[in-house]
Amino acid sequence: MDRFLIISPHTAADCKAVVHQVIAAGFNTHVDCGCKDGDHTAWAILEADSHEQALLFVPPIMRSKARALKIVKFYEDGKDPHKLMETYKNLD
């Protein structure tokens, strides 16, 4: 499985409904949000087999605007940093 960062923007008007859906799904301990700072976006990191599967985590009210980004650790313990640099050298 891969790791994904879920980014789920929503409007201030939808915020209360979004909170209720996240709590009802039992995901409230997995989600961080910026709503109290005026940025109505929720973020979560989870494991899934694909982008599409990761987006199923998002409540339907937010799903059309949500994005799933596959993420990897830049540094992994035990790996030679020079070999790790080779992995990332062709990112341009």
N, C-alpha and C. Protein backbone atom coordinates (compact mmCIF):
# COMPACT_ATOMS: atom_id res chain seq x y z
N MET A 1 0.84 -1.19 0.00
CA MET A 1 0.00 0.00 0.00
C MET A 1 0.87 1.24 0.00
N ASP A 2 0.36 2.27 -0.59
CA ASP A 2 1.05 3.56 -0.62
C ASP A 2 0.44 4.48 0.43
N ARG A 3 1.17 5.54 0.76
CA ARG A 3 0.66 6.56 1.68
C ARG A 3 0.19 7.75 0.87
N PHE A 4 -0.92 8.34 1.31
CA PHE A 4 -1.50 9.48 0.61
C PHE A 4 -1.81 10.59 1.60
N LEU A 5 -1.59 11.83 1.14
CA LEU A 5 -2.05 13.01 1.85
C LEU A 5 -3.35 13.41 1.19
N ILE A 6 -4.41 13.45 1.96
CA ILE A 6 -5.71 13.87 1.46
C ILE A 6 -5.88 15.34 1.81
N ILE A 7 -6.22 16.15 0.82
CA ILE A 7 -6.46 17.57 1.00
C ILE A 7 -7.90 17.82 0.60
N SER A 8 -8.70 18.30 1.57
CA SER A 8 -10.14 18.42 1.34
C SER A 8 -10.63 19.82 1.69
N PRO A 9 -10.63 20.72 0.71
CA PRO A 9 -11.17 22.05 0.97
C PRO A 9 -12.70 22.01 1.01
N HIS A 10 -13.26 22.92 1.79
CA HIS A 10 -14.71 23.07 1.85
C HIS A 10 -15.04 24.50 2.22
N THR A 11 -16.27 24.87 2.08
CA THR A 11 -16.67 26.25 2.39
C THR A 11 -17.00 26.39 3.87
N ALA A 12 -17.01 27.62 4.34
CA ALA A 12 -17.41 27.89 5.72
C ALA A 12 -18.85 27.44 5.94
N ALA A 13 -19.68 27.58 4.92
CA ALA A 13 -21.08 27.17 5.03
C ALA A 13 -21.22 25.66 5.18
N ASP A 14 -20.30 24.90 4.58
CA ASP A 14 -20.34 23.43 4.65
C ASP A 14 -19.62 22.87 5.88
N CYS A 15 -18.92 23.71 6.60
CA CYS A 15 -18.03 23.26 7.67
C CYS A 15 -18.76 22.39 8.70
N LYS A 16 -19.89 22.84 9.19
CA LYS A 16 -20.61 22.09 10.22
C LYS A 16 -21.02 20.71 9.70
N ALA A 17 -21.52 20.64 8.47
CA ALA A 17 -21.91 19.35 7.89
C ALA A 17 -20.71 18.44 7.71
N VAL A 18 -19.58 19.02 7.31
CA VAL A 18 -18.35 18.23 7.14
C VAL A 18 -17.91 17.64 8.47
N VAL A 19 -17.92 18.44 9.52
CA VAL A 19 -17.52 17.96 10.84
C VAL A 19 -18.42 16.80 11.27
N HIS A 20 -19.72 16.95 11.08
CA HIS A 20 -20.65 15.88 11.45
C HIS A 20 -20.36 14.59 10.68
N GLN A 21 -20.07 14.70 9.39
CA GLN A 21 -19.79 13.52 8.58
C GLN A 21 -18.48 12.85 9.00
N VAL A 22 -17.47 13.64 9.28
CA VAL A 22 -16.17 13.09 9.70
C VAL A 22 -16.33 12.36 11.04
N ILE A 23 -17.06 12.96 11.97
CA ILE A 23 -17.28 12.33 13.27
C ILE A 23 -18.12 11.06 13.11
N ALA A 24 -19.18 11.13 12.30
CA ALA A 24 -20.05 9.98 12.09
C ALA A 24 -19.28 8.80 11.48
N ALA A 25 -18.30 9.10 10.63
CA ALA A 25 -17.49 8.05 10.01
C ALA A 25 -16.41 7.52 10.95
N GLY A 26 -16.22 8.20 12.09
CA GLY A 26 -15.21 7.77 13.05
C GLY A 26 -13.80 8.19 12.70
N PHE A 27 -13.66 9.17 11.81
CA PHE A 27 -12.34 9.59 11.35
C PHE A 27 -11.83 10.85 12.06
N ASN A 28 -12.53 11.32 13.09
CA ASN A 28 -12.15 12.59 13.70
C ASN A 28 -10.74 12.57 14.29
N THR A 29 -10.22 11.41 14.67
CA THR A 29 -8.85 11.36 15.21
C THR A 29 -7.81 11.29 14.10
N HIS A 30 -8.23 11.16 12.85
CA HIS A 30 -7.31 11.04 11.72
C HIS A 30 -7.22 12.31 10.89
N VAL A 31 -8.05 13.29 11.19
CA VAL A 31 -8.18 14.48 10.35
C VAL A 31 -7.71 15.72 11.10
N ASP A 32 -6.94 16.55 10.43
CA ASP A 32 -6.57 17.87 10.94
C ASP A 32 -7.24 18.91 10.05
N CYS A 33 -7.57 20.04 10.62
CA CYS A 33 -8.22 21.06 9.80
C CYS A 33 -7.74 22.46 10.19
N GLY A 34 -7.92 23.38 9.27
CA GLY A 34 -7.53 24.77 9.49
C GLY A 34 -8.72 25.69 9.69
N CYS A 35 -9.89 25.12 9.91
CA CYS A 35 -11.13 25.90 9.97
C CYS A 35 -11.09 27.01 11.01
N LYS A 36 -10.55 26.73 12.19
CA LYS A 36 -10.53 27.74 13.25
C LYS A 36 -9.58 28.88 12.94
N ASP A 37 -8.74 28.72 11.92
CA ASP A 37 -7.83 29.78 11.51
C ASP A 37 -8.30 30.41 10.19
N GLY A 38 -9.53 30.07 9.77
CA GLY A 38 -10.09 30.67 8.57
C GLY A 38 -9.77 29.93 7.27
N ASP A 39 -9.03 28.83 7.35
CA ASP A 39 -8.72 28.04 6.15
C ASP A 39 -9.55 26.77 6.22
N HIS A 40 -10.65 26.76 5.51
CA HIS A 40 -11.57 25.62 5.56
C HIS A 40 -11.06 24.49 4.67
N THR A 41 -10.05 23.82 5.20
CA THR A 41 -9.42 22.68 4.54
C THR A 41 -9.16 21.63 5.61
N ALA A 42 -9.37 20.36 5.23
CA ALA A 42 -9.05 19.25 6.12
C ALA A 42 -7.94 18.43 5.47
N TRP A 43 -7.05 17.87 6.31
CA TRP A 43 -5.93 17.07 5.83
C TRP A 43 -5.91 15.75 6.59
N ALA A 44 -5.52 14.70 5.90
CA ALA A 44 -5.34 13.40 6.54
C ALA A 44 -4.27 12.64 5.78
N ILE A 45 -3.56 11.79 6.49
CA ILE A 45 -2.58 10.89 5.86
C ILE A 45 -3.07 9.48 6.11
N LEU A 46 -3.15 8.70 5.03
CA LEU A 46 -3.64 7.34 5.15
C LEU A 46 -2.99 6.43 4.13
N GLU A 47 -3.18 5.14 4.32
CA GLU A 47 -2.67 4.16 3.37
C GLU A 47 -3.81 3.66 2.49
N ALA A 48 -3.51 3.50 1.21
CA ALA A 48 -4.50 3.01 0.26
C ALA A 48 -3.76 2.41 -0.93
N ASP A 49 -4.49 1.66 -1.75
CA ASP A 49 -3.91 1.03 -2.93
C ASP A 49 -3.84 1.96 -4.13
N SER A 50 -4.64 3.05 -4.12
CA SER A 50 -4.67 3.96 -5.27
C SER A 50 -5.20 5.33 -4.83
N HIS A 51 -5.02 6.31 -5.72
CA HIS A 51 -5.58 7.64 -5.47
C HIS A 51 -7.09 7.55 -5.28
N GLU A 52 -7.73 6.77 -6.15
CA GLU A 52 -9.19 6.65 -6.11
C GLU A 52 -9.66 6.04 -4.79
N GLN A 53 -8.96 5.01 -4.34
CA GLN A 53 -9.33 4.39 -3.07
C GLN A 53 -9.11 5.36 -1.91
N ALA A 54 -8.05 6.12 -1.96
CA ALA A 54 -7.78 7.10 -0.90
C ALA A 54 -8.88 8.14 -0.82
N LEU A 55 -9.40 8.56 -1.96
CA LEU A 55 -10.46 9.57 -1.96
C LEU A 55 -11.77 9.06 -1.38
N LEU A 56 -11.94 7.76 -1.30
CA LEU A 56 -13.15 7.22 -0.68
C LEU A 56 -13.21 7.53 0.81
N PHE A 57 -12.09 7.90 1.40
CA PHE A 57 -12.02 8.32 2.80
C PHE A 57 -12.76 9.64 3.02
N VAL A 58 -12.85 10.45 1.98
CA VAL A 58 -13.42 11.80 2.07
C VAL A 58 -14.95 11.71 2.05
N PRO A 59 -15.62 12.41 2.98
CA PRO A 59 -17.09 12.43 2.95
C PRO A 59 -17.59 12.95 1.59
N PRO A 60 -18.70 12.40 1.12
CA PRO A 60 -19.23 12.79 -0.20
C PRO A 60 -19.38 14.29 -0.40
N ILE A 61 -19.74 15.03 0.64
CA ILE A 61 -19.94 16.48 0.50
C ILE A 61 -18.65 17.20 0.09
N MET A 62 -17.49 16.59 0.35
CA MET A 62 -16.19 17.22 0.06
C MET A 62 -15.45 16.56 -1.09
N ARG A 63 -15.87 15.40 -1.51
CA ARG A 63 -15.07 14.56 -2.41
C ARG A 63 -14.78 15.21 -3.75
N SER A 64 -15.69 15.98 -4.32
CA SER A 64 -15.46 16.55 -5.65
C SER A 64 -14.32 17.57 -5.68
N LYS A 65 -14.03 18.17 -4.53
CA LYS A 65 -12.95 19.16 -4.45
C LYS A 65 -11.67 18.59 -3.85
N ALA A 66 -11.73 17.38 -3.35
CA ALA A 66 -10.59 16.79 -2.64
C ALA A 66 -9.52 16.30 -3.60
N ARG A 67 -8.29 16.23 -3.08
CA ARG A 67 -7.16 15.69 -3.84
C ARG A 67 -6.45 14.65 -2.98
N ALA A 68 -5.90 13.66 -3.63
CA ALA A 68 -5.08 12.65 -2.95
C ALA A 68 -3.69 12.70 -3.58
N LEU A 69 -2.70 12.97 -2.75
CA LEU A 69 -1.31 13.05 -3.21
C LEU A 69 -0.52 11.89 -2.63
N LYS A 70 0.09 11.09 -3.49
CA LYS A 70 0.94 10.00 -3.02
C LYS A 70 2.18 10.62 -2.38
N ILE A 71 2.50 10.19 -1.18
CA ILE A 71 3.64 10.76 -0.46
C ILE A 71 4.62 9.67 -0.07
N VAL A 72 5.87 10.05 0.02
CA VAL A 72 6.93 9.16 0.48
C VAL A 72 7.82 9.94 1.44
N LYS A 73 8.48 9.24 2.32
CA LYS A 73 9.45 9.87 3.21
C LYS A 73 10.68 10.22 2.39
N PHE A 74 11.19 11.41 2.56
CA PHE A 74 12.40 11.79 1.85
C PHE A 74 13.59 11.01 2.37
N TYR A 75 13.65 10.81 3.67
CA TYR A 75 14.75 10.06 4.26
C TYR A 75 14.17 8.87 5.02
N GLU A 76 14.71 7.72 4.77
CA GLU A 76 14.29 6.52 5.48
C GLU A 76 15.47 6.00 6.28
N ASP A 77 15.23 5.73 7.55
CA ASP A 77 16.30 5.20 8.42
C ASP A 77 16.91 3.95 7.81
N GLY A 78 18.21 3.87 7.88
CA GLY A 78 18.89 2.68 7.40
C GLY A 78 19.28 2.74 5.93
N LYS A 79 18.79 3.72 5.19
CA LYS A 79 19.15 3.82 3.77
C LYS A 79 20.34 4.75 3.61
N ASP A 80 21.21 4.39 2.73
CA ASP A 80 22.37 5.22 2.42
C ASP A 80 21.88 6.53 1.80
N PRO A 81 22.19 7.68 2.41
CA PRO A 81 21.72 8.97 1.87
C PRO A 81 22.15 9.21 0.42
N HIS A 82 23.30 8.68 0.01
CA HIS A 82 23.77 8.88 -1.36
C HIS A 82 22.89 8.10 -2.35
N LYS A 83 22.47 6.90 -1.97
CA LYS A 83 21.56 6.14 -2.82
C LYS A 83 20.19 6.80 -2.86
N LEU A 84 19.78 7.37 -1.74
CA LEU A 84 18.51 8.09 -1.69
C LEU A 84 18.52 9.29 -2.63
N MET A 85 19.66 9.98 -2.70
CA MET A 85 19.79 11.13 -3.61
C MET A 85 19.61 10.69 -5.05
N GLU A 86 20.09 9.52 -5.40
CA GLU A 86 19.92 9.00 -6.77
C GLU A 86 18.44 8.85 -7.10
N THR A 87 17.64 8.43 -6.12
CA THR A 87 16.21 8.24 -6.33
C THR A 87 15.53 9.55 -6.70
N TYR A 88 15.99 10.66 -6.11
CA TYR A 88 15.32 11.94 -6.27
C TYR A 88 15.99 12.88 -7.27
N LYS A 89 17.08 12.47 -7.91
CA LYS A 89 17.83 13.41 -8.76
C LYS A 89 17.07 13.79 -10.04
N ASN A 90 16.17 12.97 -10.52
CA ASN A 90 15.46 13.25 -11.77
C ASN A 90 14.04 13.76 -11.55
N LEU A 91 13.83 14.54 -10.51
CA LEU A 91 12.48 15.03 -10.23
C LEU A 91 12.08 16.24 -11.07
N ASP A 92 13.01 16.88 -11.72
CA ASP A 92 12.67 18.09 -12.48
C ASP A 92 11.75 17.80 -13.63
